[in-house]
């Protein structure tokens, strides 16, 4: 009797093993349809192999806190002990960036958009990529172009969500820096008659690159001729070919600008995003330039794009052809001929944009459009709004310094009326003796960008508001000290 029971137990045990083996085969090898309606679909995922080490290295470096006042990077310096070295923010030092220099000046000169770094740290898993050593080693993609079709699709989707640009029926071009796409656009629009070169214009105050590039290239086909309004008062546009830069919102003062001349126009929309300005409607111009740096904060990615209308493209089609780029900047172009010229410029200059960069930008834009863009743009706008509220309060207590007026407009993206929150404060020194405002601020331990760099009066100077939180807090501290000295001097009169 006992022997029979043992045999039964043994048989049941073997049957149980067999059933588990069959069930495992079904689940993981896809065998049979038994129970398909009742069991969840399970896909087989192989264990990580070559990417495991790379991912571990990236996580280990990212985990180095640098006291919250710096960052360690995979491509950074290595210590004698073989460990990544912290790269400290301004005014911080030491091996872990914990030592603050007490007399340090606040550097508000650079336009480094580090204020968005916390957002990307919060979205580390969604925004990170691992690139294999054999990733896209060719110059071109499968369709024989140098631009990712998938990336272009996401850029168009982004503009549709934000509502800041018309992309339908437009050509798009990628570039490796704002400077490259700006020069490519001037080249594409310029006169082919060297005896009558195109006049390049911009309205004061304007981004210094508009003047610096034409002067550097010294081309026979285009020459920089200065301020749009001054030029117009002395010239007729009837017989002169004109190329006009329009920066909207403007750098340095954040104003929404329109063309003065109304002829060939390059719209630089680097800051035309909801965190800097209310989006009142989509931009619909023949040539528009955008940049990744002020959209997501990734200035180091060097990517941008241009969009061109069909009309301009047909004007110069026979001249050149190829592929184009801009920091990841990009251009949206309506005219096919202009598009072909811009592509040709980029091709001759760089043979296109890095495939690794395009992959990274694609990954970032997938995060940017999540939730119809609300998580990214709400984070960025709230950060800029808070900074402007604090800055405005400080300047409201001063009679020596003033900043630009901001105007409320209805923002279609946020569906509410709101103030603009520009990337920069355009500061004016009001005292007659303060004819060099940058020098006045420098004496108060604030580094700014003087007005003459924007072809404006040096009574003006620019303060960057888009750097790290450490940088902004130090700037605010130095400004409060300056205003406090001003008020103290009034009290002792």
Protein backbone atom coordinates (compact mmCIF):
# COMPACT_ATOMS: atom_id res chain seq x y z
CA UNK A 1 0.00 0.00 0.00
CA UNK A 2 2.75 2.46 0.95
CA UNK A 3 4.69 1.50 -2.15
CA UNK A 4 1.65 2.29 -4.33
CA UNK A 5 1.25 5.74 -2.71
CA UNK A 6 4.90 6.53 -3.33
CA UNK A 7 4.53 5.58 -6.99
CA UNK A 8 1.47 7.85 -7.29
CA UNK A 9 3.33 10.77 -5.72
CA UNK A 10 6.23 10.20 -8.08
CA UNK A 11 3.99 10.14 -11.14
CA UNK A 12 2.16 13.32 -10.03
CA UNK A 13 5.49 15.05 -9.47
CA UNK A 14 6.67 14.13 -12.97
CA UNK A 15 3.37 15.29 -14.50
CA UNK A 16 3.66 18.61 -12.64
CA UNK A 17 7.18 19.14 -14.03
CA UNK A 18 5.99 18.31 -17.55
CA UNK A 19 3.08 20.76 -17.33
CA UNK A 20 5.40 23.55 -16.12
CA UNK A 21 7.82 22.87 -18.97
CA UNK A 22 5.03 23.00 -21.56
CA UNK A 23 3.61 26.18 -20.04
CA UNK A 24 7.05 27.84 -20.08
CA UNK A 25 7.52 26.87 -23.72
CA UNK A 26 4.15 28.39 -24.55
CA UNK A 27 4.83 31.64 -22.72
CA UNK A 28 8.38 32.28 -23.85
CA UNK A 29 8.63 30.53 -27.20
CA UNK A 30 5.18 31.42 -28.47
CA UNK A 31 4.04 27.78 -28.93
CA UNK A 32 0.32 27.01 -29.40
CA UNK A 33 -2.84 29.06 -28.91
CA UNK A 34 -4.13 27.33 -25.79
CA UNK A 35 -5.36 29.87 -23.29
CA UNK A 36 -4.46 32.82 -25.57
CA UNK A 37 -7.61 34.72 -24.60
CA UNK A 38 -6.97 34.42 -20.89
CA UNK A 39 -3.21 34.85 -20.56
CA UNK A 40 -1.33 38.15 -20.99
CA UNK A 41 1.03 38.50 -23.93
CA UNK A 42 4.62 38.19 -22.76
CA UNK A 43 7.56 39.02 -25.00
CA UNK A 44 11.02 37.58 -24.52
CA UNK A 45 13.65 40.15 -23.65
CA UNK A 46 17.29 39.00 -23.84
CA UNK A 47 19.68 40.01 -21.09
CA UNK A 48 21.84 43.11 -21.70
CA UNK A 49 25.25 42.29 -23.17
CA UNK A 50 27.46 44.97 -24.79
CA UNK A 51 25.36 47.89 -23.44
CA UNK A 52 25.53 46.78 -19.81
CA UNK A 53 29.03 48.14 -19.20
CA UNK A 54 28.28 51.43 -20.97
CA UNK A 55 25.08 51.92 -18.98
CA UNK A 56 26.86 51.14 -15.70
CA UNK A 57 29.61 53.67 -16.49
CA UNK A 58 27.05 56.37 -17.32
CA UNK A 59 25.06 55.74 -14.13
CA UNK A 60 28.21 55.74 -11.99
CA UNK A 61 29.34 59.13 -13.33
CA UNK A 62 25.84 60.62 -13.09
CA UNK A 63 25.66 59.53 -9.44
CA UNK A 64 28.59 61.82 -8.52
CA UNK A 65 26.77 64.75 -6.90
CA UNK A 66 29.60 67.33 -6.85
CA UNK A 67 27.72 68.84 -3.89
CA UNK A 68 25.03 70.04 -6.29
CA UNK A 69 27.34 72.80 -7.54
CA UNK A 70 28.86 71.02 -10.52
CA UNK A 71 28.74 67.89 -12.66
CA UNK A 72 30.99 64.97 -13.59
CA UNK A 73 30.93 63.75 -17.19
CA UNK A 74 31.91 60.60 -19.05
CA UNK A 75 34.22 62.65 -21.28
CA UNK A 76 35.63 64.74 -18.43
CA UNK A 77 39.02 64.66 -16.78
CA UNK A 78 40.09 61.66 -14.68
CA UNK A 79 41.85 62.01 -11.33
CA UNK A 80 45.10 60.24 -10.39
CA UNK A 81 42.91 57.71 -8.61
CA UNK A 82 41.09 56.94 -11.87
CA UNK A 83 37.86 58.67 -10.88
CA UNK A 84 35.92 61.28 -12.92
CA UNK A 85 36.65 64.84 -11.80
CA UNK A 86 33.85 67.27 -10.87
CA UNK A 87 33.52 70.27 -13.17
CA UNK A 88 32.36 73.04 -10.84
CA UNK A 89 29.96 75.87 -11.61
CA UNK A 90 31.19 79.45 -11.44
CA UNK A 91 32.34 80.53 -7.98
CA UNK A 92 32.65 76.96 -6.67
CA UNK A 93 35.76 74.82 -6.33
CA UNK A 94 37.33 71.90 -4.50
CA UNK A 95 37.28 68.24 -5.46
CA UNK A 96 33.53 68.04 -4.81
CA UNK A 97 32.62 71.66 -5.68
CA UNK A 98 31.69 72.40 -2.07
CA UNK A 99 34.00 75.41 -1.65
CA UNK A 100 32.46 78.75 -2.59
CA UNK A 101 34.60 81.77 -3.40
CA UNK A 102 33.12 84.57 -1.23
CA UNK A 103 34.17 87.52 -3.42
CA UNK A 104 33.25 85.91 -6.73
CA UNK A 105 31.60 88.00 -9.44
CA UNK A 106 28.22 86.92 -10.84
CA UNK A 107 28.76 85.96 -14.49
CA UNK A 108 25.61 86.97 -16.38
CA UNK A 109 27.31 87.29 -19.75
CA UNK A 110 26.89 83.86 -21.31
CA UNK A 111 23.63 82.51 -22.73
CA UNK A 112 24.21 78.96 -21.44
CA UNK A 113 20.67 77.61 -20.81
CA UNK A 114 21.58 75.46 -17.78
CA UNK A 115 18.33 76.43 -16.05
CA UNK A 116 16.70 73.39 -17.72
CA UNK A 117 19.20 70.89 -16.31
CA UNK A 118 16.91 69.85 -13.39
CA UNK A 119 14.13 68.89 -15.81
CA UNK A 120 16.37 66.50 -17.70
CA UNK A 121 17.72 64.99 -14.49
CA UNK A 122 14.11 64.30 -13.49
CA UNK A 123 13.61 62.63 -16.88
CA UNK A 124 16.88 60.74 -17.01
CA UNK A 125 15.47 57.36 -18.05
CA UNK A 126 13.32 58.79 -20.84
CA UNK A 127 16.00 61.07 -22.31
CA UNK A 128 19.12 58.88 -22.15
CA UNK A 129 20.56 56.83 -25.00
CA UNK A 130 23.32 54.25 -25.46
CA UNK A 131 25.07 54.48 -28.83
CA UNK A 132 26.85 51.35 -30.17
CA UNK A 133 30.29 51.79 -31.65
CA UNK A 134 29.01 50.90 -35.13
CA UNK A 135 26.04 53.28 -35.11
CA UNK A 136 25.52 54.91 -38.58
CA UNK A 137 29.13 54.98 -39.71
CA UNK A 138 28.10 56.14 -43.19
CA UNK A 139 27.89 59.79 -44.26
CA UNK A 140 24.28 59.26 -45.34
CA UNK A 141 21.03 57.64 -44.33
CA UNK A 142 19.33 54.85 -46.28
CA UNK A 143 17.45 57.36 -48.45
CA UNK A 144 20.80 58.89 -49.50
CA UNK A 145 20.24 62.11 -47.51
CA UNK A 146 22.06 63.47 -44.48
CA UNK A 147 18.96 64.29 -42.44
CA UNK A 148 16.97 61.87 -40.29
CA UNK A 149 13.43 61.53 -41.66
CA UNK A 150 12.18 60.49 -38.22
CA UNK A 151 13.75 63.54 -36.58
CA UNK A 152 12.19 65.86 -39.14
CA UNK A 153 8.81 64.24 -38.42
CA UNK A 154 9.16 64.97 -34.70
CA UNK A 155 10.24 68.57 -35.30
CA UNK A 156 7.13 69.15 -37.41
CA UNK A 157 4.99 67.50 -34.73
CA UNK A 158 6.57 69.73 -32.07
CA UNK A 159 5.71 72.90 -34.00
CA UNK A 160 2.16 71.64 -34.50
CA UNK A 161 1.77 71.08 -30.75
CA UNK A 162 3.31 74.43 -29.74
CA UNK A 163 1.64 76.36 -32.57
CA UNK A 164 4.65 78.61 -33.19
CA UNK A 165 5.41 77.87 -36.87
CA UNK A 166 3.73 76.75 -40.09
CA UNK A 167 5.60 73.70 -41.40
CA UNK A 168 3.17 72.34 -43.98
CA UNK A 169 4.49 72.79 -47.51
CA UNK A 170 7.90 73.90 -46.20
CA UNK A 171 11.38 72.47 -46.58
CA UNK A 172 13.50 71.80 -43.53
CA UNK A 173 17.27 71.96 -43.10
CA UNK A 174 19.44 70.93 -40.15
CA UNK A 175 22.61 72.68 -39.02
CA UNK A 176 25.46 72.37 -36.50
CA UNK A 177 25.20 75.81 -34.98
CA UNK A 178 23.24 79.03 -35.22
CA UNK A 179 26.21 80.77 -36.78
CA UNK A 180 26.34 78.20 -39.58
CA UNK A 181 22.67 78.40 -40.50
CA UNK A 182 22.62 82.18 -40.34
CA UNK A 183 25.54 82.41 -42.74
CA UNK A 184 24.01 79.72 -44.96
CA UNK A 185 20.77 81.72 -45.15
CA UNK A 186 22.56 84.94 -46.14
CA UNK A 187 24.53 83.02 -48.76
CA UNK A 188 21.33 81.47 -50.17
CA UNK A 189 19.47 84.80 -50.39
CA UNK A 190 22.36 86.97 -51.61
CA UNK A 191 22.74 88.52 -55.03
CA UNK A 192 24.67 86.62 -57.69
CA UNK A 193 25.85 89.94 -59.14
CA UNK A 194 29.13 90.88 -57.44
CA UNK A 195 28.92 94.40 -58.88
CA UNK A 196 25.74 94.95 -56.87
CA UNK A 197 26.09 92.98 -53.58
CA UNK A 198 23.14 92.43 -51.26
CA UNK A 199 22.85 94.79 -48.29
CA UNK A 200 22.52 92.84 -45.01
CA UNK A 201 20.58 94.73 -42.31
CA UNK A 202 19.32 94.31 -38.74
CA UNK A 203 17.48 96.57 -36.32
CA UNK A 204 19.39 97.85 -33.27
CA UNK A 205 19.81 96.24 -30.76
CA UNK A 206 20.67 93.05 -32.65
CA UNK A 207 22.56 89.79 -32.19
CA UNK A 208 26.28 90.47 -32.87
CA UNK A 209 26.67 87.52 -35.26
CA UNK A 210 24.55 89.27 -37.92
CA UNK A 211 27.32 91.85 -38.32
CA UNK A 212 30.37 89.72 -37.50
CA UNK A 213 29.80 86.99 -40.07
CA UNK A 214 29.46 89.13 -43.23
CA UNK A 215 32.50 91.12 -42.16
CA UNK A 216 34.52 87.94 -41.60
CA UNK A 217 33.54 86.31 -44.90
CA UNK A 218 34.10 89.56 -46.83
CA UNK A 219 32.00 88.23 -49.70
CA UNK A 220 31.56 89.97 -53.04
CA UNK A 221 27.87 88.99 -52.99
CA UNK A 222 26.77 90.51 -49.66
CA UNK A 223 27.88 93.24 -47.24
CA UNK A 224 26.63 94.23 -43.80
CA UNK A 225 25.20 97.76 -43.92
CA UNK A 226 24.07 98.31 -40.34
CA UNK A 227 20.79 99.36 -38.73
CA UNK A 228 17.61 98.86 -40.75
CA UNK A 229 15.96 102.15 -39.81
CA UNK A 230 19.07 104.26 -40.43
CA UNK A 231 19.67 102.56 -43.77
CA UNK A 232 16.07 103.06 -44.86
CA UNK A 233 16.19 106.80 -44.17
CA UNK A 234 19.06 107.22 -46.64
CA UNK A 235 18.27 104.60 -49.30
CA UNK A 236 15.53 103.40 -51.57
CA UNK A 237 14.96 99.65 -51.70
CA UNK A 238 13.80 99.72 -55.32
CA UNK A 239 17.20 99.11 -56.92
CA UNK A 240 19.12 97.58 -54.01
CA UNK A 241 18.96 93.94 -52.98
CA UNK A 242 18.30 93.77 -49.24
CA UNK A 243 18.53 90.87 -46.76
CA UNK A 244 17.01 91.70 -43.36
CA UNK A 245 17.52 89.81 -40.11
CA UNK A 246 14.48 89.83 -37.81
CA UNK A 247 14.98 88.29 -34.36
CA UNK A 248 11.67 87.60 -32.69
CA UNK A 249 11.71 87.53 -29.72
CA UNK A 250 14.72 89.79 -29.94
CA UNK A 251 18.10 89.17 -28.40
CA UNK A 252 18.85 91.13 -26.18
CA UNK A 253 15.56 92.80 -25.18
CA UNK A 254 12.94 90.07 -25.78
CA UNK A 255 10.70 92.23 -28.01
CA UNK A 256 8.55 90.57 -30.67
CA UNK A 257 9.87 92.07 -33.93
CA UNK A 258 8.59 92.42 -37.49
CA UNK A 259 10.33 93.20 -40.76
CA UNK A 260 10.98 96.90 -41.45
CA UNK A 261 11.93 96.64 -45.14
CA UNK A 262 9.62 93.77 -46.08
CA UNK A 263 11.83 92.17 -48.73
CA UNK A 264 14.14 89.14 -48.29
CA UNK A 265 13.90 88.32 -44.59
CA UNK A 266 15.52 85.81 -42.25
CA UNK A 267 13.41 85.25 -39.14
CA UNK A 268 15.57 84.09 -36.24
CA UNK A 269 13.14 82.38 -33.85
CA UNK A 270 15.67 81.00 -31.36
CA UNK A 271 13.56 82.26 -28.44
CA UNK A 272 10.07 81.77 -29.92
CA UNK A 273 9.01 79.14 -27.37
CA UNK A 274 6.32 79.27 -24.64
CA UNK A 275 8.77 79.64 -21.73
CA UNK A 276 10.15 82.90 -23.15
CA UNK A 277 7.17 84.54 -24.83
CA UNK A 278 3.41 84.11 -25.24
CA UNK A 279 2.69 82.18 -28.45
CA UNK A 280 0.04 84.37 -30.09
CA UNK A 281 0.01 82.41 -33.36
CA UNK A 282 2.21 80.45 -35.74
CA UNK A 283 5.03 82.20 -37.58
CA UNK A 284 4.45 82.03 -41.34
CA UNK A 285 7.52 83.37 -43.12
CA UNK A 286 9.64 82.29 -46.05
CA UNK A 287 12.73 81.46 -43.99
CA UNK A 288 12.61 80.72 -40.27
CA UNK A 289 15.45 79.49 -38.05
CA UNK A 290 15.05 77.60 -34.75
CA UNK A 291 17.52 76.16 -32.28
CA UNK A 292 17.57 73.26 -29.86
CA UNK A 293 19.66 75.16 -27.30
CA UNK A 294 16.91 77.55 -26.21
CA UNK A 295 14.16 74.93 -26.63
CA UNK A 296 15.53 72.10 -24.45
CA UNK A 297 18.68 73.75 -23.06
CA UNK A 298 21.09 71.47 -24.93
CA UNK A 299 23.44 74.11 -26.31
CA UNK A 300 26.27 71.56 -26.36
CA UNK A 301 24.39 69.37 -28.83
CA UNK A 302 24.93 72.04 -31.51
CA UNK A 303 21.75 71.49 -33.51
CA UNK A 304 19.29 73.74 -35.28
CA UNK A 305 17.13 73.84 -38.39
CA UNK A 306 15.74 76.16 -41.03
CA UNK A 307 12.38 76.10 -42.79
CA UNK A 308 12.05 77.64 -46.26
CA UNK A 309 9.03 78.52 -48.40
CA UNK A 310 8.55 77.13 -51.91
CA UNK A 311 8.69 80.57 -53.52
CA UNK A 312 12.32 81.32 -52.66
CA UNK A 313 13.41 77.80 -53.44
CA UNK A 314 12.42 78.20 -57.10
CA UNK A 315 14.50 81.37 -57.53
CA UNK A 316 17.93 79.75 -57.34
CA UNK A 317 17.42 76.03 -57.96
CA UNK A 318 19.95 75.83 -60.78
CA UNK A 319 22.78 77.25 -58.72
CA UNK A 320 23.63 74.42 -56.31
CA UNK A 321 22.15 71.40 -54.54
CA UNK A 322 22.73 69.13 -51.52
CA UNK A 323 21.98 68.96 -47.77
CA UNK A 324 21.93 71.45 -44.94
CA UNK A 325 22.18 71.98 -41.21
CA UNK A 326 21.99 74.40 -38.16
CA UNK A 327 23.31 74.19 -33.33
CA UNK A 328 21.05 71.79 -33.35
CA UNK A 329 19.49 74.68 -35.07
CA UNK A 330 17.09 74.07 -37.90
CA UNK A 331 15.65 76.19 -40.69
CA UNK A 332 12.11 76.01 -42.05
CA UNK A 333 12.22 77.16 -45.66
CA UNK A 334 9.36 77.86 -48.05
CA UNK A 335 11.35 78.32 -51.25
CA UNK A 336 12.97 75.26 -52.84
CA UNK A 337 15.79 77.18 -54.48
CA UNK A 338 16.82 78.80 -51.19
CA UNK A 339 16.52 75.37 -49.56
CA UNK A 340 18.89 73.84 -52.12
CA UNK A 341 21.42 76.64 -51.61
CA UNK A 342 21.34 76.28 -47.83
CA UNK A 343 21.80 72.52 -48.19
CA UNK A 344 24.73 73.07 -50.51
CA UNK A 345 26.36 75.47 -48.05
CA UNK A 346 26.08 72.95 -45.22
CA UNK A 347 27.31 70.11 -47.40
CA UNK A 348 30.39 72.02 -48.51
CA UNK A 349 31.12 73.21 -44.98
CA UNK A 350 30.59 70.01 -42.98
CA UNK A 351 29.18 67.15 -45.09
CA UNK A 352 26.03 67.29 -42.97
CA UNK A 353 25.13 66.93 -39.30
CA UNK A 354 26.49 64.29 -36.94
CA UNK A 355 24.29 61.18 -36.93
CA UNK A 356 24.97 60.77 -33.20
CA UNK A 357 23.67 64.31 -32.62
CA UNK A 358 20.53 63.65 -34.65
CA UNK A 359 19.85 60.49 -32.64
CA UNK A 360 20.24 62.38 -29.37
CA UNK A 361 18.00 65.22 -30.52
CA UNK A 362 15.34 62.72 -31.61
CA UNK A 363 15.37 61.20 -28.13
CA UNK A 364 15.07 64.63 -26.49
CA UNK A 365 12.20 65.72 -28.72
CA UNK A 366 10.27 62.55 -27.92
CA UNK A 367 10.38 63.65 -24.28
CA UNK A 368 9.61 67.28 -25.20
CA UNK A 369 6.30 66.39 -26.88
CA UNK A 370 5.09 64.06 -24.12
CA UNK A 371 1.83 65.29 -22.63
CA UNK A 372 1.48 67.68 -25.58
CA UNK A 373 4.61 69.49 -24.39
CA UNK A 374 3.09 70.61 -21.10
CA UNK A 375 5.63 69.01 -18.68
CA UNK A 376 8.68 70.61 -20.36
CA UNK A 377 7.19 74.01 -21.14
CA UNK A 378 5.42 74.39 -17.80
CA UNK A 379 8.65 73.58 -15.97
CA UNK A 380 10.64 76.03 -18.11
CA UNK A 381 8.03 78.80 -17.98
CA UNK A 382 7.57 78.55 -14.21
CA UNK A 383 11.33 78.79 -13.74
CA UNK A 384 11.58 81.89 -15.96
CA UNK A 385 8.48 83.49 -14.44
CA UNK A 386 9.87 83.09 -10.92
CA UNK A 387 13.20 84.60 -11.95
CA UNK A 388 11.52 87.59 -13.57
CA UNK A 389 9.33 88.18 -10.52
CA UNK A 390 12.40 88.31 -8.26
CA UNK A 391 14.38 90.42 -10.71
CA UNK A 392 11.55 92.90 -11.23
CA UNK A 393 11.19 93.38 -7.47
CA UNK A 394 14.88 94.26 -7.12
CA UNK A 395 14.83 96.77 -10.00
CA UNK A 396 11.58 98.31 -8.72
CA UNK A 397 13.57 99.58 -5.73
CA UNK A 398 16.13 101.34 -7.92
CA UNK A 399 16.18 104.70 -9.66
CA UNK A 400 19.72 104.19 -10.98
CA UNK A 401 18.90 101.09 -13.07
CA UNK A 402 15.89 100.08 -15.14
CA UNK A 403 14.94 97.06 -17.26
CA UNK A 404 12.78 96.62 -20.37
CA UNK A 405 9.00 96.83 -20.14
CA UNK A 406 7.15 93.56 -20.61
CA UNK A 407 3.67 93.36 -22.10
CA UNK A 408 0.94 90.79 -21.35
CA UNK A 409 -0.35 88.84 -24.36
CA UNK A 410 -2.65 85.87 -24.79
CA UNK A 411 -0.64 82.65 -25.14
CA UNK A 412 -2.40 80.06 -27.29
CA UNK A 413 -0.23 77.26 -25.97
CA UNK A 414 -1.07 77.84 -22.29
CA UNK A 415 -4.49 79.28 -23.19
CA UNK A 416 -4.10 82.27 -20.90
CA UNK A 417 -2.91 85.88 -20.91
CA UNK A 418 0.58 86.17 -19.45
CA UNK A 419 3.70 88.31 -19.37
CA UNK A 420 6.70 87.51 -21.50
CA UNK A 421 9.66 86.03 -19.63
CA UNK A 422 12.68 86.78 -21.85
CA UNK A 423 16.00 84.98 -21.60
CA UNK A 424 17.78 88.27 -20.90
CA UNK A 425 17.29 91.47 -18.94
CA UNK A 426 18.15 94.58 -20.98
CA UNK A 427 19.43 96.94 -18.30
CA UNK A 428 19.74 100.70 -18.66
CA UNK A 429 21.83 102.94 -16.41
CA UNK A 430 19.70 106.06 -15.82
CA UNK A 431 22.31 108.40 -14.34
CA UNK A 432 23.93 110.74 -16.83
CA UNK A 433 27.42 109.96 -15.58
CA UNK A 434 26.89 106.18 -16.00
CA UNK A 435 27.61 106.09 -19.72
CA UNK A 436 29.15 102.57 -19.50
CA UNK A 437 26.56 100.46 -17.73
CA UNK A 438 28.59 97.26 -18.08
CA UNK A 439 31.48 98.90 -16.21
CA UNK A 440 29.11 100.11 -13.48
CA UNK A 441 27.82 96.57 -12.95
CA UNK A 442 31.34 95.13 -13.12
CA UNK A 443 32.33 97.41 -10.23
CA UNK A 444 29.49 95.74 -8.32
CA UNK A 445 30.87 92.27 -9.20
CA UNK A 446 28.45 91.57 -12.04
CA UNK A 447 29.71 90.52 -15.47
CA UNK A 448 27.33 91.53 -18.26
CA UNK A 449 27.43 91.97 -22.05
CA UNK A 450 27.77 95.65 -22.96
CA UNK A 451 25.30 97.38 -25.25
CA UNK A 452 27.84 98.20 -27.97
CA UNK A 453 28.16 94.47 -28.69
CA UNK A 454 24.55 94.70 -29.89
CA UNK A 455 25.34 97.94 -31.76
CA UNK A 456 23.43 99.86 -29.07
CA UNK A 457 24.55 102.57 -26.64
CA UNK A 458 26.80 101.42 -23.78
CA UNK A 459 24.30 102.98 -21.41
CA UNK A 460 22.63 99.57 -21.91
CA UNK A 461 23.93 96.13 -20.97
CA UNK A 462 22.54 92.58 -21.07
CA UNK A 463 22.11 90.15 -18.16
CA UNK A 464 21.59 86.44 -18.83
CA UNK A 465 18.79 84.85 -16.79
CA UNK A 466 19.05 81.30 -18.13
CA UNK A 467 22.15 79.97 -16.40
CA UNK A 468 22.15 77.63 -13.39
CA UNK A 469 20.25 78.31 -10.18
CA UNK A 470 23.56 79.01 -8.43
CA UNK A 471 24.39 81.63 -11.07
CA UNK A 472 21.00 83.31 -10.83
CA UNK A 473 21.00 83.43 -7.03
CA UNK A 474 24.46 85.04 -7.03
CA UNK A 475 23.35 87.55 -9.67
CA UNK A 476 20.34 88.45 -7.55
CA UNK A 477 22.56 88.84 -4.50
CA UNK A 478 24.96 91.20 -6.32
CA UNK A 479 22.07 93.26 -7.71
CA UNK A 480 20.54 93.62 -4.26
CA UNK A 481 23.90 94.82 -2.95
CA UNK A 482 24.13 97.45 -5.72
CA UNK A 483 20.59 98.70 -5.11
CA UNK A 484 21.20 98.70 -1.36
CA UNK A 485 24.25 100.93 -1.83
CA UNK A 486 22.14 103.24 -3.97
CA UNK A 487 19.45 103.50 -1.31
CA UNK A 488 22.02 103.95 1.48
CA UNK A 489 23.56 106.90 -0.37
CA UNK A 490 20.12 108.51 -0.67
CA UNK A 491 19.53 108.06 3.06
CA UNK A 492 22.75 109.88 3.97
CA UNK A 493 22.10 112.91 1.76
